[in-house]
Amino acid sequence: MGSRDTTIEDLVALQGQGKSLVVVHGGGNRVTEWLKRQGVTTEFVRGERVTDSAALEVAIAVLAGLVNKEIVAAINNLGGRAVGISGIDGSLVEGRVKNRAMGYVGEAVNINPAILETLLQSGFLPIVSSMSLHAIDKPAGAAQILNINADPTAGDLSAALGADKLVFLTNVAGINDASGKVIPRLSAKEAQSLVESGVISGGMIPKLNACLTALNAGAIARIIDGRQPHALTNEFAGRNGGTTICKESDD
């Protein structure tokens, strides 16, 4: 979110229109910044941060603390009604270690959406930091919290809530084809072919997989350019580009 980003304004406006919204956020750049301040070296494997005990403490403090509360404060100061939580609260996300070699990097196993439903029914906008309870296959003495990727978390929460729509705000115009042109509509089968051919790669893959999770639960899945002014309000008004992920192509 840059200095001229309109996401906060859009969230407040949409909440004022009666939209029932949940925000899932990451903040990896801020975590790296604070790890450097602590003299902790950051190592990435296939785009994921190796998370030892020291890195986990910083990730929890920055993501569930600093970043989460900055977003909540910005929304509330503009007249919105936001509450900041993490996947730990209310056992919202129960996870296990994804790969022991990666340390305390987790993957979600169970989603318990009751806390989100309670907040939504009370008129609040939940702002969710992507952490999880270390609830599954936890060895004695291991950390009680895991750091998980915000992209699959968004897909899992969307599915668990039966959301109408999952929207990813990204720093690209949408999913591009091999020539670099944005693909307006993409079926699950077509998306898999683009992944296998290497056209879709890197950080777009977990976003795409999350879209498929939401899609299978009945949601509309969208990947749009969050750098554009009022991208979110335009999205809900049907005035946006980007890519829609659908079960089948239009053919």
Protein backbone atom coordinates (compact mmCIF):
# COMPACT_ATOMS: atom_id res chain seq x y z
CA MET A 1 0.00 0.00 0.00
CA GLY A 2 1.66 3.15 -1.25
CA SER A 3 1.26 6.69 0.04
CA ARG A 4 -1.59 7.39 -2.41
CA ASP A 5 -3.31 4.04 -1.98
CA THR A 6 -7.10 4.25 -1.70
CA THR A 7 -7.79 0.80 -0.23
CA ILE A 8 -8.59 2.12 3.25
CA GLU A 9 -11.00 4.71 1.83
CA ASP A 10 -12.64 2.04 -0.30
CA LEU A 11 -13.09 -0.34 2.62
CA VAL A 12 -14.76 2.37 4.70
CA ALA A 13 -16.99 3.36 1.78
CA LEU A 14 -18.02 -0.25 1.07
CA GLN A 15 -18.73 -0.91 4.72
CA GLY A 16 -20.88 2.21 4.73
CA GLN A 17 -22.83 0.74 1.81
CA GLY A 18 -23.61 -2.30 3.93
CA LYS A 19 -21.06 -4.66 2.39
CA SER A 20 -19.96 -7.49 4.67
CA LEU A 21 -16.19 -7.62 4.26
CA VAL A 22 -13.19 -9.51 5.64
CA VAL A 23 -9.62 -8.39 4.95
CA VAL A 24 -6.68 -10.80 5.02
CA HIS A 25 -3.26 -9.14 4.96
CA GLY A 26 0.39 -10.08 4.87
CA GLY A 27 3.37 -7.79 5.37
CA GLY A 28 6.48 -9.71 4.42
CA ASN A 29 8.49 -6.60 3.53
CA ARG A 30 7.91 -5.15 6.98
CA VAL A 31 8.97 -8.44 8.59
CA THR A 32 12.22 -8.41 6.58
CA GLU A 33 12.84 -4.80 7.62
CA TRP A 34 12.43 -5.61 11.31
CA LEU A 35 14.51 -8.77 11.06
CA LYS A 36 17.34 -6.64 9.67
CA ARG A 37 16.98 -4.29 12.64
CA GLN A 38 17.36 -7.29 14.94
CA GLY A 39 20.38 -8.55 13.02
CA VAL A 40 18.51 -11.68 11.90
CA THR A 41 19.31 -13.00 8.42
CA THR A 42 16.38 -13.82 6.17
CA GLU A 43 16.47 -16.87 3.91
CA PHE A 44 13.81 -17.69 1.31
CA VAL A 45 13.12 -21.04 -0.33
CA ARG A 46 10.74 -21.01 -3.32
CA GLY A 47 9.41 -17.66 -2.20
CA GLU A 48 8.71 -18.67 1.40
CA ARG A 49 10.63 -17.38 4.41
CA VAL A 50 12.51 -19.94 6.47
CA THR A 51 11.09 -19.21 9.93
CA ASP A 52 13.12 -20.21 12.96
CA SER A 53 12.17 -19.18 16.51
CA ALA A 54 13.75 -15.73 16.21
CA ALA A 55 12.08 -15.01 12.87
CA LEU A 56 8.75 -16.28 14.19
CA GLU A 57 8.81 -13.86 17.13
CA VAL A 58 9.45 -10.93 14.79
CA ALA A 59 6.78 -12.09 12.34
CA ILE A 60 4.18 -12.33 15.11
CA ALA A 61 5.07 -8.91 16.50
CA VAL A 62 5.08 -7.20 13.10
CA LEU A 63 2.17 -8.94 11.36
CA ALA A 64 -0.29 -9.53 14.21
CA GLY A 65 0.85 -6.36 15.98
CA LEU A 66 2.24 -3.42 14.04
CA VAL A 67 0.85 -4.01 10.54
CA ASN A 68 -2.53 -5.27 11.69
CA LYS A 69 -3.12 -2.39 14.08
CA GLU A 70 -1.95 0.22 11.57
CA ILE A 71 -4.63 -0.99 9.14
CA VAL A 72 -7.29 -1.10 11.86
CA ALA A 73 -6.38 2.39 13.08
CA ALA A 74 -6.48 3.82 9.55
CA ILE A 75 -9.96 2.38 8.92
CA ASN A 76 -11.38 3.49 12.26
CA ASN A 77 -9.91 6.99 11.89
CA LEU A 78 -11.81 7.34 8.60
CA GLY A 79 -15.09 6.38 10.27
CA GLY A 80 -15.09 2.65 9.66
CA ARG A 81 -15.65 -0.07 12.24
CA ALA A 82 -12.72 -2.48 12.12
CA VAL A 83 -11.37 -5.08 14.54
CA GLY A 84 -7.93 -6.63 14.18
CA ILE A 85 -7.46 -10.33 14.84
CA SER A 86 -5.14 -13.11 13.72
CA GLY A 87 -5.69 -16.71 12.76
CA ILE A 88 -4.81 -17.55 16.36
CA ASP A 89 -7.82 -15.76 17.85
CA GLY A 90 -10.79 -18.00 18.45
CA SER A 91 -8.74 -20.81 16.89
CA LEU A 92 -9.74 -19.28 13.56
CA VAL A 93 -6.96 -21.11 11.71
CA GLU A 94 -5.60 -24.41 13.03
CA GLY A 95 -2.44 -25.42 11.25
CA ARG A 96 0.54 -27.72 11.16
CA VAL A 97 4.14 -27.33 10.05
CA LYS A 98 4.26 -27.45 6.27
CA ASN A 99 7.87 -28.57 5.92
CA ARG A 100 10.19 -29.15 8.87
CA ALA A 101 13.12 -27.76 6.88
CA MET A 102 11.27 -24.43 6.64
CA GLY A 103 10.88 -24.10 10.40
CA TYR A 104 7.64 -22.63 11.72
CA VAL A 105 6.00 -22.13 8.34
CA GLY A 106 2.52 -23.57 8.54
CA GLU A 107 -0.39 -24.66 6.42
CA ALA A 108 -4.03 -24.50 7.44
CA VAL A 109 -5.80 -27.74 8.30
CA ASN A 110 -9.00 -26.53 9.97
CA ILE A 111 -10.89 -23.24 9.73
CA ASN A 112 -13.22 -22.22 12.57
CA PRO A 113 -15.01 -19.11 11.28
CA ALA A 114 -17.20 -18.43 14.35
CA ILE A 115 -15.22 -15.36 15.44
CA LEU A 116 -15.49 -13.85 11.97
CA GLU A 117 -19.22 -14.55 11.81
CA THR A 118 -19.71 -12.91 15.22
CA LEU A 119 -17.81 -9.79 14.19
CA LEU A 120 -19.61 -9.55 10.85
CA GLN A 121 -23.02 -9.97 12.46
CA SER A 122 -22.11 -7.15 14.86
CA GLY A 123 -21.26 -4.83 11.97
CA PHE A 124 -17.48 -4.97 12.27
CA LEU A 125 -14.88 -5.35 9.53
CA PRO A 126 -12.42 -8.09 10.59
CA ILE A 127 -8.80 -7.43 9.64
CA VAL A 128 -7.03 -10.79 9.75
CA SER A 129 -3.30 -11.28 10.17
CA SER A 130 -2.16 -14.50 8.57
CA MET A 131 -0.91 -16.50 11.55
CA SER A 132 -2.24 -19.84 12.75
CA LEU A 133 -2.52 -21.85 15.92
CA HIS A 134 -0.01 -24.71 15.91
CA ALA A 135 -2.77 -27.21 16.67
CA ILE A 136 -2.00 -30.24 14.51
CA ASP A 137 0.98 -32.63 14.95
CA LYS A 138 2.65 -30.25 17.42
CA PRO A 139 5.75 -31.80 19.06
CA ALA A 140 6.36 -31.19 22.73
CA GLY A 141 8.14 -27.89 23.29
CA ALA A 142 7.43 -26.55 19.79
CA ALA A 143 6.12 -23.04 19.19
CA GLN A 144 2.37 -22.61 19.65
CA ILE A 145 2.04 -20.25 16.67
CA LEU A 146 2.82 -20.71 12.97
CA ASN A 147 3.42 -18.19 10.21
CA ILE A 148 1.28 -19.01 7.18
CA ASN A 149 0.94 -17.52 3.70
CA ALA A 150 -1.84 -14.92 3.47
CA ASP A 151 -2.89 -16.04 -0.02
CA PRO A 152 -4.11 -19.57 0.79
CA THR A 153 -5.51 -18.24 4.07
CA ALA A 154 -7.72 -15.84 2.13
CA GLY A 155 -8.99 -18.69 -0.02
CA ASP A 156 -9.63 -20.92 3.00
CA LEU A 157 -11.52 -18.20 4.88
CA SER A 158 -13.55 -17.35 1.80
CA ALA A 159 -14.61 -20.98 1.46
CA ALA A 160 -15.37 -21.40 5.16
CA LEU A 161 -17.55 -18.29 5.22
CA GLY A 162 -19.34 -19.11 1.98
CA ALA A 163 -18.26 -15.73 0.62
CA ASP A 164 -19.79 -14.36 -2.56
CA LYS A 165 -16.48 -13.00 -3.82
CA LEU A 166 -12.74 -13.29 -3.21
CA VAL A 167 -10.70 -10.35 -4.50
CA PHE A 168 -6.90 -10.23 -4.61
CA LEU A 169 -5.41 -6.73 -4.76
CA THR A 170 -2.05 -7.18 -6.53
CA ASN A 171 0.68 -5.06 -8.10
CA VAL A 172 -0.09 -6.35 -11.61
CA ALA A 173 -3.01 -5.70 -13.95
CA GLY A 174 -4.19 -9.32 -13.73
CA ILE A 175 -3.00 -12.70 -14.98
CA ASN A 176 -1.15 -12.31 -18.27
CA ASP A 177 -0.84 -14.71 -21.18
CA ALA A 178 2.50 -15.58 -22.79
CA SER A 179 2.45 -12.32 -24.75
CA GLY A 180 1.92 -10.23 -21.62
CA LYS A 181 -1.73 -9.43 -22.33
CA VAL A 182 -4.21 -9.58 -19.44
CA ILE A 183 -6.59 -12.56 -19.62
CA PRO A 184 -10.09 -11.34 -18.68
CA ARG A 185 -11.48 -14.82 -17.91
CA LEU A 186 -9.54 -17.95 -17.07
CA SER A 187 -10.89 -21.42 -16.35
CA ALA A 188 -9.33 -23.71 -13.77
CA LYS A 189 -8.09 -26.00 -16.54
CA GLU A 190 -6.57 -23.12 -18.49
CA ALA A 191 -4.91 -21.79 -15.37
CA GLN A 192 -3.29 -25.15 -14.65
CA SER A 193 -1.92 -25.25 -18.20
CA LEU A 194 -0.39 -21.80 -17.76
CA VAL A 195 1.25 -22.90 -14.49
CA GLU A 196 2.66 -26.05 -16.10
CA SER A 197 4.05 -24.04 -19.02
CA GLY A 198 5.65 -21.50 -16.69
CA VAL A 199 3.53 -18.55 -17.87
CA ILE A 200 2.09 -18.28 -14.38
CA SER A 201 4.84 -18.52 -11.78
CA GLY A 202 6.13 -17.27 -8.44
CA GLY A 203 3.76 -15.47 -6.10
CA MET A 204 0.85 -15.69 -8.52
CA ILE A 205 0.59 -19.47 -8.05
CA PRO A 206 -0.63 -19.40 -4.41
CA LYS A 207 -3.08 -16.63 -5.32
CA LEU A 208 -4.42 -18.72 -8.16
CA ASN A 209 -4.74 -21.79 -5.94
CA ALA A 210 -6.62 -19.70 -3.37
CA CYS A 211 -8.97 -18.52 -6.11
CA LEU A 212 -9.69 -22.14 -6.99
CA THR A 213 -10.42 -22.94 -3.33
CA ALA A 214 -12.92 -20.09 -3.18
CA LEU A 215 -14.34 -20.99 -6.58
CA ASN A 216 -15.02 -24.57 -5.52
CA ALA A 217 -17.01 -23.21 -2.57
CA GLY A 218 -19.18 -21.08 -4.86
CA ALA A 219 -17.43 -17.71 -4.78
CA ILE A 220 -16.48 -15.45 -7.66
CA ALA A 221 -12.67 -15.21 -7.70
CA ARG A 222 -10.95 -12.07 -8.96
CA ILE A 223 -7.35 -10.89 -9.33
CA ILE A 224 -7.15 -7.13 -9.89
CA ASP A 225 -4.64 -4.27 -9.94
CA GLY A 226 -4.66 -2.79 -6.45
CA ARG A 227 -2.43 0.09 -7.58
CA GLN A 228 -5.31 1.69 -9.44
CA PRO A 229 -7.24 4.43 -7.58
CA HIS A 230 -10.39 3.08 -5.94
CA ALA A 231 -9.77 -0.40 -7.27
CA LEU A 232 -12.07 -1.96 -4.66
CA THR A 233 -15.05 0.37 -5.07
CA ASN A 234 -14.71 0.09 -8.84
CA GLU A 235 -14.63 -3.70 -8.49
CA PHE A 236 -17.93 -3.78 -6.62
CA ALA A 237 -19.42 -1.33 -9.11
CA GLY A 238 -18.40 -3.61 -11.99
CA ARG A 239 -15.92 -1.09 -13.40
CA ASN A 240 -12.66 -3.00 -13.18
CA GLY A 241 -10.34 -4.98 -15.41
CA GLY A 242 -8.23 -7.79 -14.02
CA THR A 243 -8.86 -11.52 -14.32
CA THR A 244 -11.87 -13.57 -13.29
CA ILE A 245 -11.16 -17.20 -12.43
CA CYS A 246 -14.06 -19.45 -13.43
CA LYS A 247 -14.74 -23.18 -13.42
CA GLU A 248 -15.11 -23.43 -17.17
CA SER A 249 -14.11 -21.26 -20.12
CA ASP A 250 -16.74 -19.41 -22.16
CA ASP A 251 -16.26 -21.78 -25.08
